Amino acid sequence: MTTIIGITGSISSGKTVAAKIFSRHWYNRIDADEIGHQILQKNSDAYRRVIKEFGNEILDKNRNIDRKKLGDVVFNDDKKLKKLNSITHPMILNEIRKQIKKIQKKCGNKTKIIIDAPLLLETKAKDLIDKIIVVKTDKKNIYERAGKKYPREKIEKILKSQMPLEEKLKRADFVIDNNKDLRHLEKQILGIIQNIEKK
């Protein structure tokens, strides 16, 4: 039987680093963010629908969707964010299902899969999961890490748009504390893998 683990956490909590460590231990990684990028490629169905909804001002000079411009629009307006999610989330979910089937076909039914998804618990992706892992880190670390990419105000808006960490922790089967170094992170992951695989 396939084991499907979902890993989530707030922005810049380190969930992708953790998911990549799982992939070094024979877990096939599915990256929901990467799928989100792919479905918005030029001239795709999602691309056309997003432009129709939000206009040409979200495009760069090559007529690709500029994710920063799109983010500036949706993270300033809850209704617009909901609209974007209503377009992209079903497509992302559909692609996750396809990738699960593809992995099972290639690796057999006893394969292990980890789905790296920031909005795992806010979407129907949670229905595909056997166990949920939440990666947590202090706000100070979030601002420090995400600050390399976004201004503080944008980080706050992104955090506000996500399910509060306390809520995520209530739904977690396992919690990873990512407030220390990589070694500490890997040690916790090995413990979780042993726990899952002995059952």
Protein backbone atom coordinates (compact mmCIF):
# COMPACT_ATOMS: atom_id res chain seq x y z
CA MET A 1 0.00 0.00 0.00
CA THR A 2 1.24 3.50 -0.84
CA THR A 3 2.16 5.69 2.12
CA ILE A 4 1.35 9.35 1.43
CA ILE A 5 2.67 11.96 3.84
CA GLY A 6 1.71 15.62 3.63
CA ILE A 7 4.09 18.28 4.88
CA THR A 8 3.06 21.86 5.53
CA GLY A 9 3.82 24.92 7.65
CA SER A 10 3.84 28.69 7.50
CA ILE A 11 5.81 30.64 4.88
CA SER A 12 9.59 30.08 5.27
CA SER A 13 9.15 27.51 8.03
CA GLY A 14 11.49 25.11 6.20
CA LYS A 15 8.92 22.57 4.94
CA THR A 16 10.59 22.25 1.52
CA VAL A 17 14.00 21.61 3.09
CA ALA A 18 12.34 18.96 5.28
CA ALA A 19 10.54 17.41 2.28
CA LYS A 20 13.85 17.17 0.41
CA ILE A 21 15.36 15.29 3.37
CA PHE A 22 12.46 12.81 3.15
CA SER A 23 13.22 12.39 -0.55
CA ARG A 24 16.77 11.32 0.38
CA HIS A 25 15.14 8.48 2.33
CA TRP A 26 13.26 7.02 -0.64
CA TYR A 27 10.17 9.25 -0.50
CA ASN A 28 8.99 10.52 -3.88
CA ARG A 29 8.42 14.26 -3.48
CA ILE A 30 5.50 16.10 -5.05
CA ASP A 31 5.88 19.88 -4.81
CA ALA A 32 2.54 21.73 -4.91
CA ASP A 33 4.27 25.11 -5.36
CA GLU A 34 6.13 23.81 -8.39
CA ILE A 35 2.85 22.52 -9.85
CA GLY A 36 1.35 25.97 -9.19
CA HIS A 37 4.15 27.49 -11.29
CA GLN A 38 3.66 24.96 -14.08
CA ILE A 39 -0.09 25.41 -14.44
CA LEU A 40 0.37 29.18 -14.89
CA GLN A 41 2.71 28.72 -17.86
CA LYS A 42 1.94 30.94 -20.84
CA ASN A 43 -1.22 30.03 -22.80
CA SER A 44 -2.38 27.32 -20.39
CA ASP A 45 -6.02 27.20 -19.30
CA ALA A 46 -5.13 28.61 -15.85
CA TYR A 47 -3.00 31.35 -17.47
CA ARG A 48 -5.93 32.51 -19.61
CA ARG A 49 -8.43 32.41 -16.75
CA VAL A 50 -6.12 34.28 -14.36
CA ILE A 51 -5.45 37.03 -16.93
CA LYS A 52 -9.16 37.31 -17.70
CA GLU A 53 -9.81 37.76 -13.97
CA PHE A 54 -6.90 40.04 -13.01
CA GLY A 55 -5.98 41.81 -16.24
CA ASN A 56 -2.78 42.35 -18.24
CA GLU A 57 -1.10 44.35 -15.46
CA ILE A 58 -0.01 41.07 -13.81
CA LEU A 59 2.11 40.19 -16.89
CA ASP A 60 5.81 40.86 -17.40
CA LYS A 61 7.29 42.21 -20.65
CA ASN A 62 7.30 38.70 -22.17
CA ARG A 63 3.61 38.23 -21.29
CA ASN A 64 4.39 35.66 -18.60
CA ILE A 65 2.48 35.94 -15.34
CA ASP A 66 4.66 37.89 -12.91
CA ARG A 67 4.05 36.10 -9.60
CA LYS A 68 5.20 39.12 -7.61
CA LYS A 69 2.66 41.39 -9.34
CA LEU A 70 -0.05 38.76 -8.95
CA GLY A 71 0.87 38.36 -5.27
CA ASP A 72 0.67 42.11 -4.71
CA VAL A 73 -2.88 42.06 -6.11
CA VAL A 74 -4.26 39.03 -4.25
CA PHE A 75 -2.57 39.47 -0.87
CA ASN A 76 -4.17 42.91 -0.61
CA ASP A 77 -7.70 41.62 -1.18
CA ASP A 78 -9.23 38.48 0.39
CA LYS A 79 -11.88 38.19 -2.34
CA LYS A 80 -9.26 38.27 -5.09
CA LEU A 81 -7.16 35.67 -3.27
CA LYS A 82 -10.21 33.40 -2.98
CA LYS A 83 -10.90 33.87 -6.68
CA LEU A 84 -7.32 32.97 -7.62
CA ASN A 85 -7.46 29.90 -5.37
CA SER A 86 -10.78 28.81 -6.89
CA ILE A 87 -9.07 28.80 -10.31
CA THR A 88 -5.74 27.22 -9.39
CA HIS A 89 -6.42 24.84 -6.49
CA PRO A 90 -8.60 22.30 -8.37
CA MET A 91 -5.98 22.20 -11.15
CA ILE A 92 -3.12 21.73 -8.67
CA LEU A 93 -5.07 18.96 -6.92
CA ASN A 94 -5.76 17.25 -10.22
CA GLU A 95 -2.05 17.33 -11.09
CA ILE A 96 -1.10 15.97 -7.63
CA ARG A 97 -3.48 13.03 -8.22
CA LYS A 98 -1.90 12.43 -11.65
CA GLN A 99 1.60 12.48 -10.16
CA ILE A 100 0.59 10.02 -7.41
CA LYS A 101 -0.71 7.60 -10.07
CA LYS A 102 2.43 8.07 -12.16
CA ILE A 103 4.68 7.32 -9.15
CA GLN A 104 2.59 4.25 -8.23
CA LYS A 105 2.82 2.99 -11.80
CA LYS A 106 6.59 3.46 -11.85
CA CYS A 107 7.41 2.30 -8.31
CA GLY A 108 4.58 -0.10 -7.44
CA ASN A 109 1.88 0.17 -4.81
CA LYS A 110 4.24 0.01 -1.83
CA THR A 111 5.86 3.29 -2.73
CA LYS A 112 6.31 6.22 -0.32
CA ILE A 113 5.26 9.74 -1.30
CA ILE A 114 5.67 13.11 0.39
CA ILE A 115 3.50 16.02 -0.74
CA ASP A 116 5.02 19.42 0.01
CA ALA A 117 2.09 21.87 0.09
CA PRO A 118 1.89 25.21 1.93
CA LEU A 119 -1.92 25.16 1.75
CA LEU A 120 -2.33 21.43 2.40
CA LEU A 121 -4.81 21.84 5.25
CA GLU A 122 -6.75 24.67 3.60
CA THR A 123 -7.51 22.57 0.50
CA LYS A 124 -8.86 19.17 -0.50
CA ALA A 125 -5.27 17.95 -0.86
CA LYS A 126 -5.57 16.86 2.79
CA ASP A 127 -8.00 14.12 1.66
CA LEU A 128 -5.15 12.37 -0.19
CA ILE A 129 -2.92 12.16 2.88
CA ASP A 130 -2.29 9.33 5.37
CA LYS A 131 -0.25 11.41 7.84
CA ILE A 132 0.20 15.16 8.25
CA ILE A 133 3.48 16.76 9.30
CA VAL A 134 3.59 20.42 10.33
CA VAL A 135 6.93 22.24 10.37
CA LYS A 136 7.03 25.09 12.85
CA THR A 137 9.54 27.85 13.45
CA ASP A 138 9.59 31.13 15.38
CA LYS A 139 8.24 34.31 13.81
CA LYS A 140 11.73 35.79 14.08
CA ASN A 141 13.06 33.03 11.76
CA ILE A 142 10.14 33.47 9.36
CA TYR A 143 10.82 37.21 8.98
CA GLU A 144 14.54 36.59 8.63
CA ARG A 145 14.21 33.87 5.97
CA ALA A 146 11.27 35.30 4.03
CA GLY A 147 12.78 38.79 4.31
CA LYS A 148 15.34 37.83 1.66
CA LYS A 149 12.46 37.64 -0.79
CA TYR A 150 9.63 39.83 0.52
CA PRO A 151 9.18 43.07 2.49
CA ARG A 152 7.86 42.58 6.04
CA GLU A 153 4.40 43.92 5.15
CA LYS A 154 3.99 41.29 2.41
CA ILE A 155 5.14 38.51 4.78
CA GLU A 156 2.48 39.59 7.26
CA LYS A 157 -0.20 39.50 4.55
CA ILE A 158 0.88 36.02 3.41
CA LEU A 159 0.83 34.76 7.02
CA LYS A 160 -2.63 36.26 7.50
CA SER A 161 -3.89 34.46 4.36
CA GLN A 162 -2.73 31.06 5.70
CA MET A 163 -4.32 28.95 8.39
CA PRO A 164 -2.89 30.01 11.80
CA LEU A 165 -0.03 27.78 12.98
CA GLU A 166 -1.97 26.84 16.17
CA GLU A 167 -4.75 25.42 13.97
CA LYS A 168 -2.27 23.48 11.83
CA LEU A 169 -0.61 22.02 14.92
CA LYS A 170 -3.97 20.69 16.17
CA ARG A 171 -4.33 18.69 12.95
CA ALA A 172 -0.77 17.39 12.81
CA ASP A 173 0.18 13.73 13.28
CA PHE A 174 3.81 14.85 13.65
CA VAL A 175 5.40 18.23 14.39
CA ILE A 176 8.91 19.21 13.33
CA ASP A 177 10.60 22.04 15.22
CA ASN A 178 12.80 23.94 12.76
CA ASN A 179 14.31 26.49 15.12
CA LYS A 180 17.78 24.96 15.20
CA ASP A 181 20.24 23.65 12.62
CA LEU A 182 19.94 21.17 9.75
CA ARG A 183 21.26 18.33 11.90
CA HIS A 184 18.48 18.84 14.44
CA LEU A 185 15.94 18.92 11.58
CA GLU A 186 17.26 15.70 10.03
CA LYS A 187 17.26 13.88 13.40
CA GLN A 188 13.55 14.64 13.88
CA ILE A 189 12.76 13.49 10.33
CA LEU A 190 14.57 10.17 10.83
CA GLY A 191 12.51 9.66 14.01
CA ILE A 192 9.27 10.29 12.10
CA ILE A 193 10.30 7.93 9.27
CA GLN A 194 11.03 5.16 11.80
CA ASN A 195 7.70 5.80 13.52
CA ILE A 196 5.74 5.65 10.26
CA GLU A 197 7.54 2.63 8.85
CA LYS A 198 7.32 0.39 11.90
CA LYS A 199 3.52 0.49 11.73
